[in-house]
């Protein structure tokens, strides 16, 4: 994943036409970026559809799942697309030993 980091006026800089309202420009300036680790898991089936964490409710329509797990506290699906994919996200404060790779089980 890459982030465009070109200053206004430089070659490759993003220019909005027409110009954005000052309120939106200020909001964009306040955005922060950081390191993350993202893991994308693809399964044969959407097994989470059969999980019932509460009475009469299932995870069949789940978009996001927040957990207390330290490693990957945030998970999301591709809803409304009912794909067999779930993505985990972890904020990384320092460089990790993770490397991008695809594993088929």
C-alpha atoms as a PDB file:
ATOM      1  CA  UNK A   1       0.000   0.000   0.000  1.00  0.00           C
ATOM      2  CA  UNK A   2       1.309   3.464  -0.801  1.00  0.00           C
ATOM      3  CA  UNK A   3       0.386   6.994   0.123  1.00  0.00           C
ATOM      4  CA  UNK A   4       0.758   9.988  -2.155  1.00  0.00           C
ATOM      5  CA  UNK A   5       3.033  12.463  -0.360  1.00  0.00           C
ATOM      6  CA  UNK A   6       3.584  15.295  -2.812  1.00  0.00           C
ATOM      7  CA  UNK A   7       3.449  18.893  -1.616  1.00  0.00           C
ATOM      8  CA  UNK A   8       1.058  21.291  -3.358  1.00  0.00           C
ATOM      9  CA  UNK A   9       2.646  22.843  -6.429  1.00  0.00           C
ATOM     10  CA  UNK A  10       5.102  19.959  -6.992  1.00  0.00           C
ATOM     11  CA  UNK A  11       4.925  17.556  -9.921  1.00  0.00           C
ATOM     12  CA  UNK A  12       2.376  14.847  -9.135  1.00  0.00           C
ATOM     13  CA  UNK A  13       0.537  16.911  -6.522  1.00  0.00           C
ATOM     14  CA  UNK A  14      -3.221  16.484  -6.208  1.00  0.00           C
ATOM     15  CA  UNK A  15      -5.201  19.485  -7.384  1.00  0.00           C
ATOM     16  CA  UNK A  16      -8.939  19.799  -6.833  1.00  0.00           C
ATOM     17  CA  UNK A  17     -10.887  21.554  -9.582  1.00  0.00           C
ATOM     18  CA  UNK A  18     -12.888  23.416  -8.511  1.00  0.00           C
ATOM     19  CA  UNK A  19     -10.929  24.145  -5.319  1.00  0.00           C
ATOM     20  CA  UNK A  20     -12.223  22.576  -2.123  1.00  0.00           C
ATOM     21  CA  UNK A  21     -13.932  24.779   0.450  1.00  0.00           C
ATOM     22  CA  UNK A  22     -11.509  25.970   3.205  1.00  0.00           C
ATOM     23  CA  UNK A  23     -13.328  23.822   5.806  1.00  0.00           C
ATOM     24  CA  UNK A  24     -12.547  20.649   3.839  1.00  0.00           C
ATOM     25  CA  UNK A  25      -8.932  21.685   3.212  1.00  0.00           C
ATOM     26  CA  UNK A  26      -8.450  22.173   6.970  1.00  0.00           C
ATOM     27  CA  UNK A  27     -10.046  18.787   7.690  1.00  0.00           C
ATOM     28  CA  UNK A  28      -7.680  17.083   5.220  1.00  0.00           C
ATOM     29  CA  UNK A  29      -4.672  18.743   6.894  1.00  0.00           C
ATOM     30  CA  UNK A  30      -5.714  17.139  10.196  1.00  0.00           C
ATOM     31  CA  UNK A  31      -5.692  13.595   8.808  1.00  0.00           C
ATOM     32  CA  UNK A  32      -2.941  11.439  10.254  1.00  0.00           C
ATOM     33  CA  UNK A  33      -1.325   8.355   8.805  1.00  0.00           C
ATOM     34  CA  UNK A  34       0.559   5.571  10.482  1.00  0.00           C
ATOM     35  CA  UNK A  35       1.854   2.057  10.134  1.00  0.00           C
ATOM     36  CA  UNK A  36      -0.606  -0.802  10.047  1.00  0.00           C
ATOM     37  CA  UNK A  37      -0.543  -4.519   9.523  1.00  0.00           C
ATOM     38  CA  UNK A  38      -3.395  -5.866   7.450  1.00  0.00           C
ATOM     39  CA  UNK A  39      -4.192  -9.521   7.022  1.00  0.00           C
ATOM     40  CA  UNK A  40      -6.741 -10.695   4.454  1.00  0.00           C
ATOM     41  CA  UNK A  41      -8.136 -14.189   4.946  1.00  0.00           C
ATOM     42  CA  UNK A  42     -10.129 -16.053   2.308  1.00  0.00           C
ATOM     43  CA  UNK A  43     -12.175 -19.085   3.348  1.00  0.00           C
ATOM     44  CA  UNK A  44     -14.143 -21.762   1.512  1.00  0.00           C
ATOM     45  CA  UNK A  45     -17.328 -20.503   3.151  1.00  0.00           C
ATOM     46  CA  UNK A  46     -18.564 -17.636   5.304  1.00  0.00           C
ATOM     47  CA  UNK A  47     -18.349 -19.625   8.550  1.00  0.00           C
ATOM     48  CA  UNK A  48     -19.150 -16.556  10.654  1.00  0.00           C
ATOM     49  CA  UNK A  49     -22.726 -16.581   9.307  1.00  0.00           C
ATOM     50  CA  UNK A  50     -23.500 -19.519  11.598  1.00  0.00           C
ATOM     51  CA  UNK A  51     -22.030 -17.935  14.750  1.00  0.00           C
ATOM     52  CA  UNK A  52     -24.638 -16.598  17.202  1.00  0.00           C
ATOM     53  CA  UNK A  53     -22.950 -14.413  19.836  1.00  0.00           C
ATOM     54  CA  UNK A  54     -26.319 -13.196  21.175  1.00  0.00           C
ATOM     55  CA  UNK A  55     -29.777 -14.708  21.394  1.00  0.00           C
ATOM     56  CA  UNK A  56     -31.501 -14.714  18.009  1.00  0.00           C
ATOM     57  CA  UNK A  57     -28.689 -12.751  16.333  1.00  0.00           C
ATOM     58  CA  UNK A  58     -26.031 -14.042  13.963  1.00  0.00           C
ATOM     59  CA  UNK A  59     -23.014 -12.501  12.270  1.00  0.00           C
ATOM     60  CA  UNK A  60     -24.478 -13.087   8.797  1.00  0.00           C
ATOM     61  CA  UNK A  61     -24.797  -9.336   8.110  1.00  0.00           C
ATOM     62  CA  UNK A  62     -21.576  -8.369   9.888  1.00  0.00           C
ATOM     63  CA  UNK A  63     -19.585  -5.518   8.384  1.00  0.00           C
ATOM     64  CA  UNK A  64     -17.191  -4.696  11.235  1.00  0.00           C
ATOM     65  CA  UNK A  65     -16.166  -6.620  14.318  1.00  0.00           C
ATOM     66  CA  UNK A  66     -14.208  -5.008  17.152  1.00  0.00           C
ATOM     67  CA  UNK A  67     -12.549  -7.378  19.598  1.00  0.00           C
ATOM     68  CA  UNK A  68     -10.408  -7.175  22.715  1.00  0.00           C
ATOM     69  CA  UNK A  69      -7.656  -9.117  20.974  1.00  0.00           C
ATOM     70  CA  UNK A  70      -4.361  -7.236  21.123  1.00  0.00           C
ATOM     71  CA  UNK A  71      -2.961  -8.481  17.827  1.00  0.00           C
ATOM     72  CA  UNK A  72      -5.886  -7.854  15.507  1.00  0.00           C
ATOM     73  CA  UNK A  73      -8.638  -5.925  17.307  1.00  0.00           C
ATOM     74  CA  UNK A  74     -10.471  -4.818  14.160  1.00  0.00           C
ATOM     75  CA  UNK A  75     -12.006  -7.076  11.520  1.00  0.00           C
ATOM     76  CA  UNK A  76     -14.292  -6.364   8.595  1.00  0.00           C
ATOM     77  CA  UNK A  77     -16.004  -8.139   5.759  1.00  0.00           C
ATOM     78  CA  UNK A  78     -16.795  -6.953   2.250  1.00  0.00           C
ATOM     79  CA  UNK A  79     -20.476  -6.348   3.031  1.00  0.00           C
ATOM     80  CA  UNK A  80     -22.766  -5.839   1.251  1.00  0.00           C
ATOM     81  CA  UNK A  81     -20.838  -8.240  -0.998  1.00  0.00           C
ATOM     82  CA  UNK A  82     -21.113 -11.672   0.588  1.00  0.00           C
ATOM     83  CA  UNK A  83     -17.579 -12.807  -0.159  1.00  0.00           C
ATOM     84  CA  UNK A  84     -15.662 -15.457   1.780  1.00  0.00           C
ATOM     85  CA  UNK A  85     -13.113 -12.829   2.836  1.00  0.00           C
ATOM     86  CA  UNK A  86     -12.455 -11.236   6.212  1.00  0.00           C
ATOM     87  CA  UNK A  87      -9.783  -8.603   6.853  1.00  0.00           C
ATOM     88  CA  UNK A  88      -7.938  -7.973  10.106  1.00  0.00           C
ATOM     89  CA  UNK A  89      -6.207  -4.720  10.988  1.00  0.00           C
ATOM     90  CA  UNK A  90      -3.554  -3.967  13.609  1.00  0.00           C
ATOM     91  CA  UNK A  91      -1.910  -0.643  14.423  1.00  0.00           C
ATOM     92  CA  UNK A  92       1.855  -1.078  14.312  1.00  0.00           C
ATOM     93  CA  UNK A  93       4.008   1.279  16.369  1.00  0.00           C
ATOM     94  CA  UNK A  94       7.286  -0.042  15.034  1.00  0.00           C
ATOM     95  CA  UNK A  95       8.491  -2.097  12.146  1.00  0.00           C
ATOM     96  CA  UNK A  96       7.238  -5.623  12.453  1.00  0.00           C
ATOM     97  CA  UNK A  97       8.697  -8.871  11.251  1.00  0.00           C
ATOM     98  CA  UNK A  98       5.667  -9.473   9.026  1.00  0.00           C
ATOM     99  CA  UNK A  99       6.233  -9.816   5.308  1.00  0.00           C
ATOM    100  CA  UNK A 100       3.613  -9.683   2.583  1.00  0.00           C
ATOM    101  CA  UNK A 101       2.811 -13.153   1.302  1.00  0.00           C
ATOM    102  CA  UNK A 102      -0.015 -15.370   0.162  1.00  0.00           C
ATOM    103  CA  UNK A 103      -0.576 -18.692   1.894  1.00  0.00           C
ATOM    104  CA  UNK A 104      -3.025 -21.269   0.576  1.00  0.00           C
ATOM    105  CA  UNK A 105      -4.165 -23.909   3.053  1.00  0.00           C
END
